[in-house]
Amino acid sequence: MTRMHGPRCGAAPSLLAVAALLAACGGTTTHPTPTSGTAMASASPSPVASASASATASPSTPAPTPIAGFEAASVTFVSSQDGWVLGTVGGSLALARTQDGGTTWTSVTPPPTGFYTGSGSTGVSGIRFANQQDGWAYGYDLYATQNGGASWTQVALPGLNSSTGGTPIQDLETSDGSVDAVITGSSGFVIDTAPDGSNAWTSSPTTLAYGAGPVPDAQLVLQGSSGWVVENDRVVARGARLQSGSWATWTPPCTATGGPAVLAPSSAANLFAVCSQGIWASGPVSVRAYVSTTAGSSFTELASALPFTSPQVGRYGDSPPAAASPSTSVLAVGNGGDILTSFDGGSTWSNTYAGAGSTSLDYVGFTTSSEGVAIEASPTSSTGLLVMTRDGGHTWAAVTI
């Protein structure tokens, strides 16, 4: 699952702040956790009208009790039924788990740290699980569990430099038996990798030098054995691609269009890129989508611009929107607090979720071709509502945790 793509905590305020979707302050196709642009090949649940509806209770079964005051920040599913949400209760770090596809949730013990808001020198704000046992909570720090969250161990990452000013662990995703993280190094972003179930991390020799803007930001997405990293620093700066088990430098799309980009793969070969263009260049400001069927070797621009209410759609005006794709024909993109979805590969668009006017979609991802998740954050924080779809993105509804 890709996290907060869109904006990250700690990014500089923008010229035109509007509410972003699909690394809070760092992607889920056959991939166990919903990453921005990821679909999973497991069996899909039957569509239901609302993801927030509770299972019908028998007269002798009490209705599930919500976790009072839970605010969601990051979500991960390893199947259509098993998932975790990291967030806060009363400002303190909290973790909830579901084993029935989001119908009911139980409070479980979070890592022994606080919630990372983008300032300070400790805490986590993102969660990813590879399976029912192996999981990671990340942000400023990294904590790992190999027993489903019964206990957590703090992990030191090689090459990490927490003094650069950005979120130390920019993004973390798991796929194909391993976990990858993009972290801040002394002079650029470093990509670390470890096998699932192990805390033995190694750094790739491929690094991404920081761009010229004030707040470098990196997004990581994985799809099977393939992966991509895009670095945004006001504009698309650099990229890296995972092929045959190794990371190598890669030129992402939109490097000359004057704005940032977000990636949304649907398979190891099919990759969407959504770019906010013209913000830092002459010419009209717009949001455009590009598609690759060659694992990012080449891209084709879709014919029409996306119908955004404001082209500067991030929590900070020069942040890219969040995006996810469960198949080659479906692409969901955050538009402020709303979700725009195309079911024909980007030819036409419809508004499939209407959030509150001042909120932002900080993350979106798909666990299966029918089940998807999103985080609708409040205008003053990176926490808010968990939103789910069970019909492939046609309808979305807020979930009570």
Protein backbone atom coordinates (compact mmCIF):
# COMPACT_ATOMS: atom_id res chain seq x y z
CA MET A 1 0.00 0.00 0.00
CA THR A 2 1.47 3.39 -0.91
CA ARG A 3 1.04 5.88 1.50
CA MET A 4 -0.12 9.38 1.35
CA HIS A 5 0.25 10.18 -2.32
CA GLY A 6 -0.39 13.19 -2.41
CA PRO A 7 1.23 15.21 0.28
CA ARG A 8 3.27 14.31 3.31
CA CYS A 9 3.38 15.77 6.77
CA GLY A 10 6.15 18.30 7.03
CA ALA A 11 5.83 19.60 3.48
CA ALA A 12 5.88 23.36 3.05
CA PRO A 13 2.49 25.13 2.76
CA SER A 14 1.45 25.77 -0.81
CA LEU A 15 0.35 28.66 -2.87
CA LEU A 16 -3.18 27.35 -3.14
CA ALA A 17 -4.09 24.84 -0.44
CA VAL A 18 -6.85 22.50 -1.28
CA ALA A 19 -7.63 19.19 0.05
CA ALA A 20 -4.94 15.25 -1.82
CA LEU A 21 -5.27 11.55 -2.09
CA LEU A 22 -3.26 8.33 -2.71
CA ALA A 23 3.47 8.47 2.00
CA ALA A 24 1.72 10.62 4.92
CA CYS A 25 4.67 11.87 6.63
CA GLY A 26 7.52 8.79 3.45
CA GLY A 27 1.89 1.95 -2.67
CA THR A 28 -0.84 -1.93 -3.20
CA THR A 29 -2.08 -6.91 -9.10
CA THR A 30 -0.95 -9.42 -6.93
CA HIS A 31 0.10 -7.59 -3.81
CA PRO A 32 -1.10 -8.30 -0.28
CA THR A 33 -1.43 -4.77 1.05
CA PRO A 34 -3.37 -2.09 -0.81
CA THR A 35 -0.80 0.18 -2.32
CA SER A 36 -1.62 3.15 -4.41
CA GLY A 37 -2.47 1.56 -7.67
CA THR A 38 -2.43 -2.04 -6.51
CA ALA A 39 -4.92 -4.81 -6.95
CA MET A 40 -4.74 -8.22 -5.34
CA ALA A 41 -5.59 -11.49 -7.01
CA SER A 42 -7.45 -13.02 -4.07
CA ALA A 43 -11.16 -13.74 -4.20
CA SER A 44 -13.30 -10.62 -4.07
CA PRO A 45 -16.16 -10.15 -1.63
CA SER A 46 -19.68 -9.67 -2.88
CA PRO A 47 -20.38 -5.99 -3.56
CA VAL A 48 -22.33 -4.19 -0.88
CA ALA A 49 -23.91 -0.80 -0.95
CA SER A 50 -21.99 0.64 1.98
CA ALA A 51 -18.65 -0.30 3.49
CA SER A 52 -19.77 1.18 6.79
CA ALA A 53 -22.76 -1.12 7.21
CA SER A 54 -22.47 -3.54 10.13
CA ALA A 55 -23.17 -7.23 9.77
CA THR A 56 -26.75 -8.19 10.69
CA ALA A 57 -26.70 -9.21 14.33
CA SER A 58 -28.86 -11.96 15.79
CA PRO A 59 -31.01 -11.02 18.78
CA SER A 60 -28.44 -12.56 21.13
CA THR A 61 -25.42 -10.86 19.55
CA PRO A 62 -24.65 -7.32 20.70
CA ALA A 63 -23.81 -4.76 18.02
CA PRO A 64 -20.07 -4.03 17.67
CA THR A 65 -18.86 -1.09 19.73
CA PRO A 66 -16.88 1.54 17.78
CA ILE A 67 -13.51 2.66 19.09
CA ALA A 68 -14.47 6.07 20.43
CA GLY A 69 -12.55 8.94 18.88
CA PHE A 70 -10.47 6.87 16.44
CA GLU A 71 -8.95 8.99 13.64
CA ALA A 72 -7.45 7.04 10.72
CA ALA A 73 -4.09 7.90 9.17
CA SER A 74 -2.92 4.78 7.29
CA VAL A 75 -4.51 1.48 6.25
CA THR A 76 -3.24 -1.90 5.07
CA PHE A 77 -5.04 -5.10 4.05
CA VAL A 78 -3.45 -8.52 3.41
CA SER A 79 -6.67 -10.01 2.04
CA SER A 80 -10.22 -8.88 1.46
CA GLN A 81 -10.93 -9.71 5.12
CA ASP A 82 -7.76 -8.97 7.13
CA GLY A 83 -6.67 -5.39 7.64
CA TRP A 84 -5.18 -2.86 10.06
CA VAL A 85 -5.65 0.89 10.46
CA LEU A 86 -3.11 3.11 12.23
CA GLY A 87 -4.29 6.39 13.67
CA THR A 88 -4.93 8.25 16.88
CA VAL A 89 -7.36 8.32 19.77
CA GLY A 90 -7.23 11.55 21.70
CA GLY A 91 -3.92 12.39 20.05
CA SER A 92 -2.24 9.13 21.16
CA LEU A 93 -1.11 6.44 18.73
CA ALA A 94 -3.76 3.76 18.15
CA LEU A 95 -4.07 0.62 16.02
CA ALA A 96 -7.23 -1.25 14.99
CA ARG A 97 -7.68 -4.58 13.22
CA THR A 98 -10.51 -6.13 11.22
CA GLN A 99 -10.94 -9.77 10.24
CA ASP A 100 -14.26 -9.39 8.48
CA GLY A 101 -13.45 -6.94 5.70
CA GLY A 102 -13.98 -3.76 7.71
CA THR A 103 -17.41 -4.53 9.16
CA THR A 104 -16.09 -4.65 12.73
CA TRP A 105 -12.80 -3.51 14.28
CA THR A 106 -10.95 -4.28 17.49
CA SER A 107 -8.30 -2.20 19.22
CA VAL A 108 -4.86 -3.84 19.26
CA THR A 109 -1.59 -2.76 20.83
CA PRO A 110 0.30 -0.21 18.68
CA PRO A 111 4.09 0.18 18.64
CA PRO A 112 5.46 1.78 21.84
CA THR A 113 5.85 5.27 20.41
CA GLY A 114 3.78 8.30 19.47
CA PHE A 115 2.05 9.48 16.32
CA TYR A 116 4.41 11.31 13.96
CA THR A 117 2.87 14.57 12.74
CA GLY A 118 5.77 15.78 10.61
CA SER A 119 7.53 17.56 13.43
CA GLY A 120 9.50 16.23 16.36
CA SER A 121 12.02 13.43 16.42
CA THR A 122 10.05 10.27 17.09
CA GLY A 123 6.91 8.39 16.12
CA VAL A 124 5.18 6.59 13.26
CA SER A 125 2.32 7.50 10.93
CA GLY A 126 2.12 4.63 8.41
CA ILE A 127 1.31 0.92 8.61
CA ARG A 128 1.96 -1.99 6.23
CA PHE A 129 1.53 -5.75 6.66
CA ALA A 130 2.77 -8.39 4.21
CA ASN A 131 0.72 -11.18 5.77
CA GLN A 132 -1.02 -11.90 9.08
CA GLN A 133 2.32 -11.96 10.93
CA ASP A 134 4.85 -9.58 9.32
CA GLY A 135 4.17 -5.87 9.57
CA TRP A 136 5.87 -2.47 9.84
CA ALA A 137 4.93 0.90 11.32
CA TYR A 138 6.98 3.79 9.97
CA GLY A 139 7.40 7.55 9.76
CA TYR A 140 10.20 9.11 11.76
CA ASP A 141 11.02 5.67 13.23
CA LEU A 142 10.56 2.09 12.04
CA TYR A 143 8.97 -0.65 14.15
CA ALA A 144 8.53 -4.25 12.97
CA THR A 145 6.42 -7.17 14.13
CA GLN A 146 6.68 -10.84 13.19
CA ASN A 147 3.76 -11.99 15.33
CA GLY A 148 0.81 -10.03 14.00
CA GLY A 149 1.40 -7.03 16.24
CA ALA A 150 1.56 -8.84 19.58
CA SER A 151 4.99 -7.24 20.02
CA TRP A 152 7.01 -4.61 18.16
CA THR A 153 10.76 -4.12 17.72
CA GLN A 154 12.39 -0.82 16.77
CA VAL A 155 14.61 -1.23 13.71
CA ALA A 156 17.57 0.90 12.57
CA LEU A 157 17.78 1.37 8.79
CA PRO A 158 21.17 1.55 7.05
CA GLY A 159 21.85 4.89 5.35
CA LEU A 160 19.13 6.79 7.22
CA ASN A 161 19.87 10.44 8.04
CA SER A 162 17.10 11.98 10.13
CA SER A 163 18.59 15.47 10.09
CA THR A 164 17.76 16.41 6.48
CA GLY A 165 14.43 18.07 7.34
CA GLY A 166 12.09 15.72 5.48
CA THR A 167 10.18 12.74 6.83
CA PRO A 168 12.96 10.20 7.49
CA ILE A 169 11.04 7.18 6.15
CA GLN A 170 9.27 8.59 3.12
CA ASP A 171 7.45 5.46 2.01
CA LEU A 172 7.36 1.72 2.69
CA GLU A 173 5.75 -1.09 0.72
CA THR A 174 5.83 -4.88 0.69
CA SER A 175 5.42 -7.31 -2.20
CA ASP A 176 6.71 -10.62 -3.51
CA GLY A 177 8.24 -11.73 -0.21
CA SER A 178 10.19 -8.58 0.64
CA VAL A 179 9.74 -5.07 1.99
CA ASP A 180 11.24 -1.87 0.53
CA ALA A 181 11.53 1.59 2.05
CA VAL A 182 12.56 4.96 0.61
CA ILE A 183 14.43 6.91 3.28
CA THR A 184 16.27 10.20 3.60
CA GLY A 185 20.05 9.91 3.28
CA SER A 186 22.80 12.46 3.66
CA SER A 187 22.64 13.70 0.05
CA GLY A 188 19.67 11.92 -1.47
CA PHE A 189 16.99 9.27 -1.09
CA VAL A 190 18.17 5.76 -0.25
CA ILE A 191 16.22 2.55 -1.02
CA ASP A 192 16.47 -0.15 1.67
CA THR A 193 15.22 -3.73 1.32
CA ALA A 194 14.66 -6.69 3.67
CA PRO A 195 13.01 -10.11 3.36
CA ASP A 196 9.60 -10.47 5.03
CA GLY A 197 10.06 -11.71 8.58
CA SER A 198 13.59 -10.33 8.85
CA ASN A 199 15.07 -7.14 10.24
CA ALA A 200 18.22 -7.52 8.13
CA TRP A 201 17.96 -4.47 5.84
CA THR A 202 20.41 -3.63 3.05
CA SER A 203 20.76 -0.45 0.96
CA SER A 204 20.63 -0.36 -2.82
CA PRO A 205 23.62 1.27 -4.53
CA THR A 206 21.08 3.30 -6.52
CA THR A 207 20.26 6.59 -4.78
CA LEU A 208 18.26 9.66 -5.84
CA ALA A 209 19.98 13.01 -5.30
CA TYR A 210 17.76 15.69 -3.79
CA GLY A 211 16.23 18.21 -6.18
CA ALA A 212 16.44 21.97 -6.01
CA GLY A 213 13.10 22.59 -4.29
CA PRO A 214 12.61 23.15 -0.56
CA VAL A 215 10.96 19.84 0.44
CA PRO A 216 11.98 16.69 -1.48
CA ASP A 217 9.35 13.96 -1.43
CA ALA A 218 9.46 10.36 -2.67
CA GLN A 219 6.74 7.84 -3.53
CA LEU A 220 7.35 4.08 -3.71
CA VAL A 221 4.99 1.60 -5.39
CA LEU A 222 5.45 -2.16 -5.78
CA GLN A 223 3.58 -4.60 -7.99
CA GLY A 224 4.65 -8.22 -7.84
CA SER A 225 8.38 -8.25 -8.59
CA SER A 226 8.29 -4.78 -10.18
CA GLY A 227 8.62 -1.44 -8.41
CA TRP A 228 9.03 2.27 -9.03
CA VAL A 229 10.13 5.34 -7.09
CA VAL A 230 9.39 8.91 -8.15
CA GLU A 231 11.03 11.90 -6.48
CA ASN A 232 9.07 15.15 -6.43
CA ASP A 233 10.65 18.43 -5.38
CA ARG A 234 8.00 20.86 -6.59
CA VAL A 235 8.52 19.15 -9.96
CA VAL A 236 9.38 15.58 -10.94
CA ALA A 237 13.09 15.32 -10.28
CA ARG A 238 14.27 11.70 -10.54
CA GLY A 239 13.15 8.11 -10.40
CA ALA A 240 14.22 4.52 -9.87
CA ARG A 241 12.81 1.21 -11.14
CA LEU A 242 12.97 -2.31 -9.70
CA GLN A 243 13.56 -5.04 -12.26
CA SER A 244 15.10 -8.50 -11.88
CA GLY A 245 15.58 -7.88 -8.16
CA SER A 246 17.67 -4.70 -8.46
CA TRP A 247 16.94 -0.97 -8.35
CA ALA A 248 18.29 1.18 -11.18
CA THR A 249 17.90 4.83 -12.16
CA TRP A 250 14.78 5.54 -14.22
CA THR A 251 13.32 8.60 -15.93
CA PRO A 252 9.71 9.01 -14.80
CA PRO A 253 7.11 10.81 -16.90
CA CYS A 254 6.38 14.55 -16.56
CA THR A 255 9.96 15.61 -15.83
CA ALA A 256 9.52 18.70 -18.02
CA THR A 257 5.89 19.65 -17.35
CA GLY A 258 6.38 21.91 -14.33
CA GLY A 259 4.81 19.90 -11.53
CA PRO A 260 4.84 16.73 -9.42
CA ALA A 261 3.59 13.23 -10.30
CA VAL A 262 2.06 10.24 -8.53
CA LEU A 263 2.26 6.62 -9.75
CA ALA A 264 -0.52 4.00 -9.79
CA PRO A 265 0.34 0.53 -11.17
CA SER A 266 -2.25 -2.16 -11.87
CA SER A 267 0.22 -4.90 -12.80
CA ALA A 268 3.95 -5.44 -13.19
CA ALA A 269 3.73 -3.96 -16.70
CA ASN A 270 0.81 -1.50 -16.55
CA LEU A 271 1.44 1.81 -14.82
CA PHE A 272 -0.54 5.06 -14.66
CA ALA A 273 1.09 8.38 -13.79
CA VAL A 274 -1.01 11.40 -12.76
CA CYS A 275 0.81 14.71 -13.12
CA SER A 276 -0.02 18.21 -11.91
CA GLN A 277 1.36 20.33 -14.74
CA GLY A 278 2.24 23.96 -15.30
CA ILE A 279 2.51 24.92 -11.63
CA TRP A 280 6.21 25.75 -11.86
CA ALA A 281 6.38 26.42 -15.60
CA SER A 282 4.75 28.69 -18.13
CA GLY A 283 1.52 27.43 -19.62
CA PRO A 284 -1.88 26.40 -18.26
CA VAL A 285 -2.12 24.53 -14.96
CA SER A 286 -3.82 21.16 -15.38
CA VAL A 287 -3.84 17.55 -14.20
CA ARG A 288 -2.98 14.98 -16.87
CA ALA A 289 -2.75 11.19 -16.81
CA TYR A 290 -0.24 9.02 -18.65
CA VAL A 291 -0.23 5.24 -19.12
CA SER A 292 2.55 2.73 -19.71
CA THR A 293 2.14 -0.90 -20.80
CA THR A 294 5.91 -1.47 -20.73
CA ALA A 295 6.62 -1.24 -16.98
CA GLY A 296 7.47 2.45 -17.35
CA SER A 297 9.83 2.23 -20.33
CA SER A 298 7.49 4.53 -22.28
CA PHE A 299 4.27 6.43 -21.59
CA THR A 300 1.32 7.67 -23.62
CA GLU A 301 -0.55 10.80 -22.55
CA LEU A 302 -4.32 10.40 -22.26
CA ALA A 303 -6.26 12.64 -24.60
CA SER A 304 -8.09 14.83 -22.07
CA ALA A 305 -7.11 16.58 -18.87
CA LEU A 306 -8.76 15.33 -15.70
CA PRO A 307 -11.82 17.42 -14.68
CA PHE A 308 -10.41 18.79 -11.43
CA THR A 309 -12.17 21.57 -9.53
CA SER A 310 -8.70 23.05 -9.02
CA PRO A 311 -5.59 21.77 -10.80
CA GLN A 312 -3.54 22.43 -7.68
CA VAL A 313 -5.12 19.58 -5.79
CA GLY A 314 -2.76 18.64 -2.98
CA ARG A 315 -2.96 19.52 0.67
CA TYR A 316 -0.19 21.83 -0.44
CA GLY A 317 -0.96 23.30 -3.85
CA ASP A 318 2.04 21.80 -5.61
CA SER A 319 1.46 18.26 -4.29
CA PRO A 320 0.21 15.60 -6.70
CA PRO A 321 -3.19 13.99 -6.10
CA ALA A 322 -3.40 10.47 -4.71
CA ALA A 323 -4.19 7.77 -7.27
CA ALA A 324 -4.78 4.01 -7.50
CA SER A 325 -5.54 1.50 -10.23
CA PRO A 326 -6.84 -2.07 -9.73
CA SER A 327 -6.92 -2.82 -13.49
CA THR A 328 -5.91 -1.36 -16.84
CA SER A 329 -9.35 0.23 -17.25
CA VAL A 330 -9.94 1.67 -13.74
CA LEU A 331 -8.15 4.67 -12.25
CA ALA A 332 -9.25 6.46 -9.06
CA VAL A 333 -7.80 9.91 -8.28
CA GLY A 334 -8.33 12.24 -5.34
CA ASN A 335 -9.83 15.64 -6.11
CA GLY A 336 -9.79 17.58 -2.86
CA GLY A 337 -12.00 15.49 -0.59
CA ASP A 338 -13.67 13.76 -3.55
CA ILE A 339 -12.70 10.76 -5.64
CA LEU A 340 -12.75 10.94 -9.43
CA THR A 341 -12.88 7.54 -11.11
CA SER A 342 -12.53 6.41 -14.71
CA PHE A 343 -13.75 2.98 -15.75
CA ASP A 344 -12.59 3.20 -19.37
CA GLY A 345 -8.87 3.80 -19.01
CA GLY A 346 -9.15 7.56 -18.52
CA SER A 347 -11.44 8.52 -21.41
CA THR A 348 -14.32 9.61 -19.18
CA TRP A 349 -14.59 10.42 -15.48
CA SER A 350 -17.25 10.44 -12.77
CA ASN A 351 -17.29 11.68 -9.18
CA THR A 352 -17.72 8.51 -7.13
CA TYR A 353 -17.20 9.94 -3.62
CA ALA A 354 -17.99 13.38 -2.23
CA GLY A 355 -16.03 14.26 0.89
CA ALA A 356 -16.39 17.29 3.08
CA GLY A 357 -15.41 20.50 1.32
CA SER A 358 -12.28 21.18 3.35
CA THR A 359 -10.90 17.63 3.56
CA SER A 360 -8.30 15.91 1.36
CA LEU A 361 -7.91 12.37 0.09
CA ASP A 362 -4.43 11.59 1.37
CA TYR A 363 -4.33 7.96 0.25
CA VAL A 364 -6.18 5.53 -2.01
CA GLY A 365 -5.47 1.87 -2.75
CA PHE A 366 -7.08 -1.38 -3.86
CA THR A 367 -6.78 -4.73 -2.09
CA THR A 368 -8.70 -6.64 -4.77
CA SER A 369 -10.36 -5.67 -8.03
CA SER A 370 -13.52 -4.84 -6.05
CA GLU A 371 -12.28 -3.76 -2.60
CA GLY A 372 -10.51 -0.44 -2.16
CA VAL A 373 -9.62 1.94 0.67
CA ALA A 374 -8.94 5.64 1.08
CA ILE A 375 -8.08 8.09 3.86
CA GLU A 376 -10.07 11.33 3.96
CA ALA A 377 -8.03 13.65 6.17
CA SER A 378 -9.15 16.77 7.97
CA PRO A 379 -7.83 20.17 6.81
CA THR A 380 -5.64 20.58 9.89
CA SER A 381 -4.09 17.10 10.27
CA SER A 382 -3.21 13.91 8.42
CA THR A 383 -5.90 11.89 10.25
CA GLY A 384 -9.58 11.50 9.52
CA LEU A 385 -11.98 8.96 8.00
CA LEU A 386 -11.38 5.52 6.56
CA VAL A 387 -13.37 5.19 3.32
CA MET A 388 -13.98 1.89 1.48
CA THR A 389 -15.42 0.60 -1.78
CA ARG A 390 -16.61 -2.95 -2.38
CA ASP A 391 -17.80 -2.59 -5.96
CA GLY A 392 -14.60 -1.69 -7.76
CA GLY A 393 -14.74 2.05 -7.08
CA HIS A 394 -18.30 2.78 -8.27
CA THR A 395 -19.40 3.73 -4.75
CA TRP A 396 -17.43 4.60 -1.59
CA ALA A 397 -18.58 5.04 2.01
CA ALA A 398 -17.01 6.04 5.30
CA VAL A 399 -16.29 3.19 7.71
CA THR A 400 -16.90 3.35 11.46
CA ILE A 401 -13.87 2.01 13.34
